[in-house]
Every structure is written in C-alpha cells, then in structure tokens.
Amino acid sequence: MAIPLDKIFKAKKPIIGMVHLPASPGQPQAKSNPDLKSIITAVKADIKALQDGGIDGLLFCNESDLPYTTKLSSEVGAWTTFLVGAVYDQIKIPYGVNLLWDPIASIEAAAGCGASFVREVMCGSFASEMGVLSPDPALVAQARTRLKADQIALFTNIVPEFASALEGRTVAQRAKAAEYFGFDAILISGPVAGVAFSEADLLEAKSAAKNIPIFANTGVNAQTVAKTLEMADGVISGSAMKIDGKTFNPVDPKRVIELVQAANKSR
C-alpha cells in the first residue's frame, strides 16, 4: 500500500526544495582535501534559507557529480549520509535523498540518514545521455524491504531529464505501471534541471493514475507555481530558488519566500 503524502508532509500539496550537495569524493568536480567545515556551513545556509522561507520538505541530491552515471560507487552514499548527519540537528522538516541515477544507492543512503522519501527513476526503460536507464522495479522495492525501511516513500520519475522512453510507451502507460507496482508518487520532469515540465505529460499521468500523487519535478518558479498546483499534487523545485536562478548557486532566501507565498495562494 502506498504511503500517503500526509504521513510525511504537513502541507496538502507540498513544496520540496533542493539541497544540492558539493561533489562527492572521486567525482570530476570534487576538490582534493575538501574544507569540510566550509562545506557544512554552506549546506546549513541552504537549509536555513529553505526552512525559514516556508518550504515543506528538503531533497538532498548529488547534483554536482557530473557527468552522471547509472551505477554509483559506495563513497557517494557515504558522502551524502555524512553531510546529512552533519546538519541533522538543523533539519526541522521532512527530507529525502536522490543519488543520480541509482535508485538502490539512493534508498540505501536514505535508510542510513533517516530520510522519509527517495526520488529516482525506479521503473521503465529510457534512452538517456547516461546510457540506457532500465531499473529493475522489483530490486528497487526489495531494497527498501531488505533495509527494513518501509517508512521511506518511493517517488519514481517517469519522464526523466536527459532521457526518452523506449518502445514508444506513453506517459499514461508508464504512470499506470508505476501505480500498479505500488510506488508512492510519480514525478514529471522537463528535459533538464531547471526547465519546465510538460503540462500535457502531467495531465496525462493524472488521468491514468488516479490513486497516486503526481509531482511537477522541474522548472517550477514563483510565476508558475500557483498554476502548477492547480494540476499537480506537489512540486519539487531547485534552480528557481537559487541566486540568479542558476542550479549550482546557493539558495536565495528572497526567491524561496516568493515561491512559497505564490504557492500558498493556490493551496
């Protein structure tokens, strides 16, 4: 049985803000002998800006680990759980984990750091810039069971960034399959981070999977969030709340407040 959103979030249609972590050890963007105190301070500043601005949930992600892969090394999960642990005392709202593009590594990290949900591609087959994305949904679900982490909600991205569905399967078919497999929420993305999702895709998913929440996963900003929430059951936003709207910049407290205030007018 799917985990209801109200078991995780207080808001009826939650706004989840991204906490983009600095590059993990072993990744091309990572620094040698990183200044951990400075890194932790920066992560805390992003969390404070998001929470003070009224965000309903946080999503920790290894966005800086470019180029992405479909099978992560163990140090990525270790880095993520270390950083979440380092800021744990500051976290006041539900939080999740997304380790691109490995759903099982994401669940393992979530179980290790007390997260309430995971975002990843968990079913379907896609031609992507990272190669073929073809997760095994049974192994994904079994990872949660193996870790005795049934409280972690699984949010599956059925229109992933950098990817196209194989064999012409429609959004409706993918949404219905995700619902049938027992995932807890469906995500609809645009072509890349920070670029708007397709309203047609979101409405198609909602028409096919009526018993599972549908989230807008990319490109939502203060100007579009009210309209988005008329269609979607929640929003995940990152770039729109960063300084100058750029994905890898720090969170801008003013942009957080603007987006949350706009969202509150429609929910």
Protein backbone atom coordinates (compact mmCIF):
# COMPACT_ATOMS: atom_id res chain seq x y z
CA MET A 1 0.00 0.00 0.00
CA ALA A 2 1.31 3.43 -0.97
CA ILE A 3 2.48 5.80 1.74
CA PRO A 4 0.07 8.80 1.86
CA LEU A 5 1.68 12.21 1.46
CA ASP A 6 0.06 13.40 4.69
CA LYS A 7 2.11 10.81 6.56
CA ILE A 8 5.22 12.75 5.53
CA PHE A 9 4.28 16.38 4.93
CA LYS A 10 2.05 18.80 6.82
CA ALA A 11 1.01 20.72 3.70
CA LYS A 12 -1.69 19.28 1.45
CA LYS A 13 0.35 19.99 -1.69
CA PRO A 14 3.97 20.07 -0.50
CA ILE A 15 6.72 22.22 -1.95
CA ILE A 16 10.04 20.37 -1.74
CA GLY A 17 13.24 22.41 -2.05
CA MET A 18 16.53 21.06 -3.35
CA VAL A 19 19.71 20.94 -1.27
CA HIS A 20 22.40 20.36 -3.90
CA LEU A 21 25.44 18.86 -2.19
CA PRO A 22 29.01 19.60 -3.31
CA ALA A 23 30.66 16.96 -5.49
CA SER A 24 31.28 13.59 -3.89
CA PRO A 25 34.76 12.09 -3.49
CA GLY A 26 36.05 10.54 -6.68
CA GLN A 27 33.91 12.74 -8.95
CA PRO A 28 35.44 15.11 -11.53
CA GLN A 29 34.12 18.25 -9.79
CA ALA A 30 35.34 17.20 -6.33
CA LYS A 31 38.20 19.03 -4.65
CA SER A 32 41.22 17.31 -3.14
CA ASN A 33 41.27 17.55 0.65
CA PRO A 34 37.98 19.50 0.82
CA ASP A 35 37.37 22.03 3.59
CA LEU A 36 34.65 20.12 5.44
CA LYS A 37 33.79 22.95 7.81
CA SER A 38 33.17 25.35 4.94
CA ILE A 39 31.12 22.72 3.07
CA ILE A 40 28.94 22.02 6.09
CA THR A 41 28.45 25.76 6.67
CA ALA A 42 27.29 26.21 3.07
CA VAL A 43 24.86 23.28 3.27
CA LYS A 44 23.47 24.65 6.54
CA ALA A 45 22.95 28.05 4.91
CA ASP A 46 20.89 26.49 2.10
CA ILE A 47 18.79 24.53 4.61
CA LYS A 48 18.18 27.63 6.72
CA ALA A 49 17.08 29.67 3.71
CA LEU A 50 14.66 26.96 2.59
CA GLN A 51 13.19 26.31 6.02
CA ASP A 52 12.91 29.97 7.00
CA GLY A 53 11.14 30.62 3.70
CA GLY A 54 8.44 28.08 4.48
CA ILE A 55 9.40 25.07 2.36
CA ASP A 56 7.58 21.82 3.29
CA GLY A 57 10.40 19.36 2.61
CA LEU A 58 14.07 19.10 1.62
CA LEU A 59 15.67 16.88 -1.02
CA PHE A 60 19.40 16.20 -0.75
CA CYS A 61 20.94 15.46 -4.15
CA ASN A 62 24.40 14.87 -5.63
CA GLU A 63 23.64 17.28 -8.49
CA SER A 64 27.31 18.29 -8.74
CA ASP A 65 28.51 14.78 -9.59
CA LEU A 66 28.80 15.48 -13.31
CA PRO A 67 28.83 13.57 -15.58
CA TYR A 68 26.13 11.31 -14.13
CA THR A 69 26.12 7.52 -14.03
CA THR A 70 23.54 4.78 -13.51
CA LYS A 71 25.65 2.82 -11.00
CA LEU A 72 27.22 4.69 -8.11
CA SER A 73 30.31 3.85 -6.12
CA SER A 74 29.90 3.46 -2.36
CA GLU A 75 31.74 6.69 -1.50
CA VAL A 76 28.85 8.74 -2.96
CA GLY A 77 26.39 7.31 -0.45
CA ALA A 78 28.95 7.68 2.33
CA TRP A 79 29.47 11.38 1.45
CA THR A 80 25.73 12.02 1.38
CA THR A 81 24.99 10.35 4.71
CA PHE A 82 27.97 12.14 6.29
CA LEU A 83 26.73 15.56 5.19
CA VAL A 84 23.12 14.90 6.19
CA GLY A 85 24.38 13.70 9.57
CA ALA A 86 26.49 16.84 9.93
CA VAL A 87 23.43 19.08 9.50
CA TYR A 88 20.84 16.77 11.08
CA ASP A 89 20.31 18.91 14.18
CA GLN A 90 19.28 21.84 11.98
CA ILE A 91 16.67 19.94 9.94
CA LYS A 92 13.11 20.71 11.08
CA ILE A 93 11.06 19.31 8.19
CA PRO A 94 10.87 16.00 6.27
CA TYR A 95 13.74 15.29 3.92
CA GLY A 96 14.60 12.90 1.12
CA VAL A 97 17.58 11.66 -0.88
CA ASN A 98 18.29 11.43 -4.62
CA LEU A 99 21.60 9.99 -5.80
CA LEU A 100 21.67 10.36 -9.58
CA TRP A 101 20.83 7.97 -11.29
CA ASP A 102 20.89 4.98 -8.96
CA PRO A 103 17.64 4.18 -7.13
CA ILE A 104 19.07 1.44 -4.92
CA ALA A 105 22.02 3.58 -3.79
CA SER A 106 19.50 6.35 -3.07
CA ILE A 107 17.38 4.05 -0.88
CA GLU A 108 20.47 2.79 0.95
CA ALA A 109 21.59 6.35 1.70
CA ALA A 110 18.07 7.33 2.76
CA ALA A 111 17.91 4.42 5.18
CA GLY A 112 21.30 5.40 6.58
CA CYS A 113 20.43 9.05 7.23
CA GLY A 114 16.80 8.88 8.36
CA ALA A 115 15.19 10.25 5.20
CA SER A 116 11.45 9.99 4.59
CA PHE A 117 11.46 9.65 0.80
CA VAL A 118 13.61 8.93 -2.25
CA ARG A 119 13.44 10.40 -5.75
CA GLU A 120 14.74 8.41 -8.71
CA VAL A 121 13.82 6.52 -11.89
CA MET A 122 12.51 3.24 -10.48
CA CYS A 123 10.70 1.59 -13.38
CA GLY A 124 10.53 1.82 -17.16
CA SER A 125 13.23 1.87 -19.84
CA PHE A 126 14.75 5.03 -21.28
CA ALA A 127 17.43 6.04 -23.77
CA SER A 128 19.43 8.64 -21.88
CA GLU A 129 22.62 10.68 -22.03
CA MET A 130 23.95 8.33 -19.31
CA GLY A 131 23.22 5.23 -21.40
CA VAL A 132 20.14 3.05 -21.10
CA LEU A 133 18.14 3.68 -17.91
CA SER A 134 16.47 0.37 -17.12
CA PRO A 135 16.00 -0.08 -13.37
CA ASP A 136 14.55 -3.31 -12.02
CA PRO A 137 11.45 -2.23 -10.05
CA ALA A 138 11.42 -5.47 -8.07
CA LEU A 139 15.00 -4.95 -6.87
CA VAL A 140 14.20 -1.33 -6.04
CA ALA A 141 11.24 -2.30 -3.87
CA GLN A 142 13.18 -5.18 -2.34
CA ALA A 143 15.98 -2.80 -1.31
CA ARG A 144 13.52 -0.94 0.89
CA THR A 145 12.28 -4.21 2.39
CA ARG A 146 15.82 -5.54 2.88
CA LEU A 147 16.75 -2.45 4.86
CA LYS A 148 13.55 -2.60 6.97
CA ALA A 149 12.83 0.90 5.71
CA ASP A 150 9.16 0.60 4.78
CA GLN A 151 8.62 4.16 6.06
CA ILE A 152 10.61 5.57 3.12
CA ALA A 153 8.31 6.68 0.30
CA LEU A 154 9.48 5.91 -3.23
CA PHE A 155 8.96 8.75 -5.74
CA THR A 156 9.55 7.48 -9.27
CA ASN A 157 10.37 9.80 -12.17
CA ILE A 158 8.50 8.56 -15.26
CA VAL A 159 9.56 11.47 -17.51
CA PRO A 160 13.23 11.78 -16.52
CA GLU A 161 15.60 14.54 -17.56
CA PHE A 162 18.15 13.79 -20.30
CA ALA A 163 16.06 10.82 -21.46
CA SER A 164 13.31 9.48 -23.74
CA ALA A 165 11.11 6.43 -23.16
CA LEU A 166 11.98 3.37 -25.22
CA GLU A 167 9.49 1.44 -27.40
CA GLY A 168 7.09 4.37 -27.64
CA ARG A 169 5.44 3.77 -24.27
CA THR A 170 3.17 6.66 -23.43
CA VAL A 171 3.20 8.73 -20.26
CA ALA A 172 -0.17 7.22 -19.39
CA GLN A 173 1.18 3.66 -19.72
CA ARG A 174 4.20 4.48 -17.57
CA ALA A 175 2.07 6.21 -14.94
CA LYS A 176 -0.34 3.29 -14.74
CA ALA A 177 2.53 0.84 -14.37
CA ALA A 178 4.13 2.89 -11.57
CA GLU A 179 0.81 2.97 -9.73
CA TYR A 180 0.28 -0.77 -10.26
CA PHE A 181 3.77 -1.56 -8.95
CA GLY A 182 2.99 0.25 -5.70
CA PHE A 183 5.26 3.29 -5.89
CA ASP A 184 4.26 6.18 -3.65
CA ALA A 185 4.39 9.14 -6.04
CA ILE A 186 5.02 9.89 -9.70
CA LEU A 187 7.26 12.70 -10.97
CA ILE A 188 7.03 14.57 -14.27
CA SER A 189 10.17 16.41 -15.42
CA GLY A 190 11.29 18.72 -18.18
CA PRO A 191 14.23 17.91 -20.48
CA VAL A 192 16.89 19.12 -17.99
CA ALA A 193 17.11 20.52 -14.47
CA GLY A 194 15.51 23.94 -14.19
CA VAL A 195 13.48 23.60 -17.39
CA ALA A 196 9.69 23.39 -17.14
CA PHE A 197 7.84 20.09 -17.34
CA SER A 198 5.16 19.43 -19.96
CA GLU A 199 1.66 20.23 -18.68
CA ALA A 200 0.30 17.68 -21.16
CA ASP A 201 2.53 14.97 -19.65
CA LEU A 202 1.39 15.83 -16.13
CA LEU A 203 -2.30 15.80 -17.03
CA GLU A 204 -1.88 12.54 -18.95
CA ALA A 205 -0.27 10.92 -15.91
CA LYS A 206 -3.04 12.18 -13.63
CA SER A 207 -5.74 10.84 -15.92
CA ALA A 208 -4.14 7.39 -15.96
CA ALA A 209 -3.01 7.01 -12.33
CA LYS A 210 -5.82 8.40 -10.21
CA ASN A 211 -4.77 6.91 -6.86
CA ILE A 212 -1.19 8.13 -6.63
CA PRO A 213 0.18 11.70 -6.22
CA ILE A 214 1.70 13.36 -9.29
CA PHE A 215 4.50 15.91 -8.72
CA ALA A 216 5.92 18.54 -11.05
CA ASN A 217 9.65 17.83 -10.81
CA THR A 218 11.47 20.61 -12.70
CA GLY A 219 11.17 24.20 -13.84
CA VAL A 220 8.55 25.46 -11.37
CA ASN A 221 9.11 29.04 -10.20
CA ALA A 222 7.26 31.80 -8.36
CA GLN A 223 5.44 32.83 -11.54
CA THR A 224 4.20 29.33 -12.41
CA VAL A 225 3.77 27.52 -9.07
CA ALA A 226 0.15 28.61 -8.47
CA LYS A 227 -0.98 27.32 -11.86
CA THR A 228 1.11 24.16 -11.42
CA LEU A 229 -0.57 23.32 -8.13
CA GLU A 230 -3.96 23.51 -9.81
CA MET A 231 -2.84 20.39 -11.69
CA ALA A 232 -0.14 18.75 -9.55
CA ASP A 233 -0.22 17.23 -6.07
CA GLY A 234 3.12 18.78 -5.17
CA VAL A 235 6.25 20.41 -6.54
CA ILE A 236 9.99 19.80 -6.36
CA SER A 237 11.94 22.99 -7.09
CA GLY A 238 15.65 23.72 -7.16
CA SER A 239 17.06 26.19 -9.67
CA ALA A 240 14.21 28.71 -9.25
CA MET A 241 15.20 29.28 -5.62
CA LYS A 242 18.91 29.73 -6.29
CA ILE A 243 20.75 33.05 -6.67
CA ASP A 244 20.09 34.31 -10.24
CA GLY A 245 18.04 31.14 -10.85
CA LYS A 246 21.18 29.10 -11.56
CA THR A 247 21.24 25.47 -10.41
CA PHE A 248 24.66 25.38 -8.76
CA ASN A 249 24.41 28.70 -6.92
CA PRO A 250 23.47 28.95 -3.23
CA VAL A 251 19.82 29.20 -2.25
CA ASP A 252 18.43 32.75 -2.39
CA PRO A 253 16.21 33.40 0.68
CA LYS A 254 14.16 36.02 -1.19
CA ARG A 255 13.37 33.62 -4.04
CA VAL A 256 12.26 30.95 -1.54
CA ILE A 257 9.81 33.35 0.11
CA GLU A 258 8.45 34.49 -3.26
CA LEU A 259 7.82 30.93 -4.45
CA VAL A 260 6.23 29.78 -1.18
CA GLN A 261 3.98 32.85 -0.96
CA ALA A 262 2.84 32.30 -4.54
CA ALA A 263 2.16 28.62 -3.79
CA ASN A 264 0.15 29.45 -0.70
CA LYS A 265 -2.29 31.48 -2.78
CA SER A 266 -3.41 28.32 -4.56
CA ARG A 267 -3.49 25.76 -1.77
